[in-house]
Structures are given as C-alpha cells and as structure tokens.
C-alpha atoms as a PDB file:
ATOM      1  CA  UNK A   1      22.996  -2.433 -75.573  1.00  0.00           C
ATOM      2  CA  UNK A   2      19.618  -1.160 -75.311  1.00  0.00           C
ATOM      3  CA  UNK A   3      19.402   2.703 -74.696  1.00  0.00           C
ATOM      4  CA  UNK A   4      16.763   4.095 -72.342  1.00  0.00           C
ATOM      5  CA  UNK A   5      14.909   5.535 -75.317  1.00  0.00           C
ATOM      6  CA  UNK A   6      14.753   2.342 -77.321  1.00  0.00           C
ATOM      7  CA  UNK A   7      13.625   0.456 -73.983  1.00  0.00           C
ATOM      8  CA  UNK A   8      10.952   3.035 -73.421  1.00  0.00           C
ATOM      9  CA  UNK A   9       9.778   2.631 -76.925  1.00  0.00           C
ATOM     10  CA  UNK A  10       9.750  -1.244 -76.746  1.00  0.00           C
ATOM     11  CA  UNK A  11       7.722  -0.944 -73.643  1.00  0.00           C
ATOM     12  CA  UNK A  12       5.316   1.422 -74.789  1.00  0.00           C
ATOM     13  CA  UNK A  13       4.491  -1.214 -77.770  1.00  0.00           C
ATOM     14  CA  UNK A  14       4.060  -4.093 -75.325  1.00  0.00           C
ATOM     15  CA  UNK A  15       2.510  -2.593 -72.163  1.00  0.00           C
ATOM     16  CA  UNK A  16      -0.746  -3.895 -70.735  1.00  0.00           C
ATOM     17  CA  UNK A  17      -1.592  -0.441 -69.209  1.00  0.00           C
ATOM     18  CA  UNK A  18      -0.096   2.967 -69.030  1.00  0.00           C
ATOM     19  CA  UNK A  19       2.289   2.481 -65.999  1.00  0.00           C
ATOM     20  CA  UNK A  20       3.268  -1.011 -66.902  1.00  0.00           C
ATOM     21  CA  UNK A  21       6.861  -1.715 -66.832  1.00  0.00           C
ATOM     22  CA  UNK A  22       7.395  -5.140 -65.640  1.00  0.00           C
ATOM     23  CA  UNK A  23       4.709  -7.534 -66.901  1.00  0.00           C
ATOM     24  CA  UNK A  24       5.490 -10.595 -68.880  1.00  0.00           C
ATOM     25  CA  UNK A  25       4.657  -9.082 -72.149  1.00  0.00           C
ATOM     26  CA  UNK A  26       7.207  -6.259 -71.484  1.00  0.00           C
ATOM     27  CA  UNK A  27       9.865  -8.520 -70.264  1.00  0.00           C
ATOM     28  CA  UNK A  28       9.452 -10.699 -73.249  1.00  0.00           C
ATOM     29  CA  UNK A  29       9.647  -7.765 -75.619  1.00  0.00           C
ATOM     30  CA  UNK A  30      12.955  -6.478 -74.093  1.00  0.00           C
ATOM     31  CA  UNK A  31      14.437  -9.927 -74.067  1.00  0.00           C
ATOM     32  CA  UNK A  32      13.484 -10.344 -77.725  1.00  0.00           C
ATOM     33  CA  UNK A  33      15.315  -7.030 -78.667  1.00  0.00           C
ATOM     34  CA  UNK A  34      18.426  -8.266 -76.633  1.00  0.00           C
ATOM     35  CA  UNK A  35      18.322 -11.584 -78.491  1.00  0.00           C
ATOM     36  CA  UNK A  36      18.205  -9.851 -82.036  1.00  0.00           C
ATOM     37  CA  UNK A  37      21.039  -7.581 -80.991  1.00  0.00           C
ATOM     38  CA  UNK A  38      23.228 -10.413 -79.714  1.00  0.00           C
ATOM     39  CA  UNK A  39      22.387 -12.638 -82.739  1.00  0.00           C
ATOM     40  CA  UNK A  40      23.560 -10.014 -85.112  1.00  0.00           C
ATOM     41  CA  UNK A  41      26.763  -9.431 -82.987  1.00  0.00           C
ATOM     42  CA  UNK A  42      27.448 -13.136 -82.979  1.00  0.00           C
ATOM     43  CA  UNK A  43      27.133 -13.373 -86.865  1.00  0.00           C
ATOM     44  CA  UNK A  44      30.023 -10.915 -87.167  1.00  0.00           C
ATOM     45  CA  UNK A  45      32.130 -12.338 -84.205  1.00  0.00           C
ATOM     46  CA  UNK A  46      31.603 -16.096 -84.460  1.00  0.00           C
ATOM     47  CA  UNK A  47      34.371 -16.893 -81.849  1.00  0.00           C
ATOM     48  CA  UNK A  48      32.790 -14.873 -79.116  1.00  0.00           C
ATOM     49  CA  UNK A  49      31.818 -17.795 -76.797  1.00  0.00           C
ATOM     50  CA  UNK A  50      31.104 -15.574 -73.692  1.00  0.00           C
ATOM     51  CA  UNK A  51      28.368 -13.602 -75.754  1.00  0.00           C
ATOM     52  CA  UNK A  52      27.110 -16.848 -77.109  1.00  0.00           C
ATOM     53  CA  UNK A  53      26.573 -18.079 -73.652  1.00  0.00           C
ATOM     54  CA  UNK A  54      24.804 -14.896 -72.641  1.00  0.00           C
ATOM     55  CA  UNK A  55      22.643 -15.445 -75.649  1.00  0.00           C
ATOM     56  CA  UNK A  56      21.610 -18.812 -74.634  1.00  0.00           C
ATOM     57  CA  UNK A  57      20.675 -17.630 -71.103  1.00  0.00           C
ATOM     58  CA  UNK A  58      18.593 -14.902 -72.390  1.00  0.00           C
ATOM     59  CA  UNK A  59      16.688 -17.151 -74.815  1.00  0.00           C
ATOM     60  CA  UNK A  60      16.024 -19.593 -71.775  1.00  0.00           C
ATOM     61  CA  UNK A  61      14.865 -16.619 -69.708  1.00  0.00           C
ATOM     62  CA  UNK A  62      12.540 -15.499 -72.492  1.00  0.00           C
ATOM     63  CA  UNK A  63      11.211 -19.145 -72.943  1.00  0.00           C
ATOM     64  CA  UNK A  64      10.401 -19.275 -69.140  1.00  0.00           C
ATOM     65  CA  UNK A  65       8.394 -16.007 -69.437  1.00  0.00           C
ATOM     66  CA  UNK A  66       6.537 -17.300 -72.460  1.00  0.00           C
ATOM     67  CA  UNK A  67       5.608 -20.568 -70.731  1.00  0.00           C
ATOM     68  CA  UNK A  68       4.468 -18.730 -67.588  1.00  0.00           C
ATOM     69  CA  UNK A  69       2.224 -16.331 -69.708  1.00  0.00           C
ATOM     70  CA  UNK A  70       0.888 -19.370 -71.708  1.00  0.00           C
ATOM     71  CA  UNK A  71      -0.036 -20.928 -68.456  1.00  0.00           C
ATOM     72  CA  UNK A  72      -1.603 -17.843 -66.951  1.00  0.00           C
ATOM     73  CA  UNK A  73      -3.382 -16.503 -69.936  1.00  0.00           C
ATOM     74  CA  UNK A  74      -3.309 -18.214 -73.366  1.00  0.00           C
ATOM     75  CA  UNK A  75      -5.019 -14.919 -74.943  1.00  0.00           C
ATOM     76  CA  UNK A  76      -2.104 -12.691 -73.708  1.00  0.00           C
ATOM     77  CA  UNK A  77       0.321 -15.435 -74.932  1.00  0.00           C
ATOM     78  CA  UNK A  78      -1.167 -15.454 -78.490  1.00  0.00           C
ATOM     79  CA  UNK A  79      -1.114 -11.545 -78.664  1.00  0.00           C
ATOM     80  CA  UNK A  80       2.481 -11.225 -77.745  1.00  0.00           C
ATOM     81  CA  UNK A  81       3.530 -13.992 -79.987  1.00  0.00           C
ATOM     82  CA  UNK A  82       1.731 -12.338 -82.869  1.00  0.00           C
ATOM     83  CA  UNK A  83       3.194  -8.815 -81.936  1.00  0.00           C
ATOM     84  CA  UNK A  84       6.636 -10.072 -81.794  1.00  0.00           C
ATOM     85  CA  UNK A  85       6.452 -12.527 -84.584  1.00  0.00           C
ATOM     86  CA  UNK A  86       7.854 -15.416 -82.476  1.00  0.00           C
ATOM     87  CA  UNK A  87       7.638 -19.143 -83.483  1.00  0.00           C
END
C-alpha cells in the first residue's frame, strides 16, 4: 500500500511540470512502485493467487502506458525508462 506521502514523493521525481499529477510518466512511476511492493509480498506469500492476478494486471497497465509514451514521445519514454531502471 502506498501512503500519500510516498505517492507525493514518487510524483515529485517523475513530474513533467510542478502541478503534474496524471501524466504518463507519473502513472508509470506509481505503477512501478506498486509492482515492486506486490512482488516482495508474493515472494513471502507464494500461494496468494489473488494478489498475483492483481500484479499481472498492474504490469499490463504499466506496459500499456509505456507503449503510449513510446509512440507519443520517444525522448520522454527513454528518460522515464532510464529514471526507473526498467528493462
């Protein structure tokens, strides 16, 4: 679970401008944090299939955002992938 404070911190690192809360970069950063949290949970709780299904959905959602950003602006895509150390 991401607290408001952690979410604000993640958003500040990925923002395009000061009041940016919903750009693709911000959404990708938040989804990445949720993925890492769920992945650590699933390492401890291997039989939690409900959370595993949620993880797969979140990964697919992030992939969709990444494809959109790559199609719209390759430069922004490259910068967010580098920032978050994806791929």
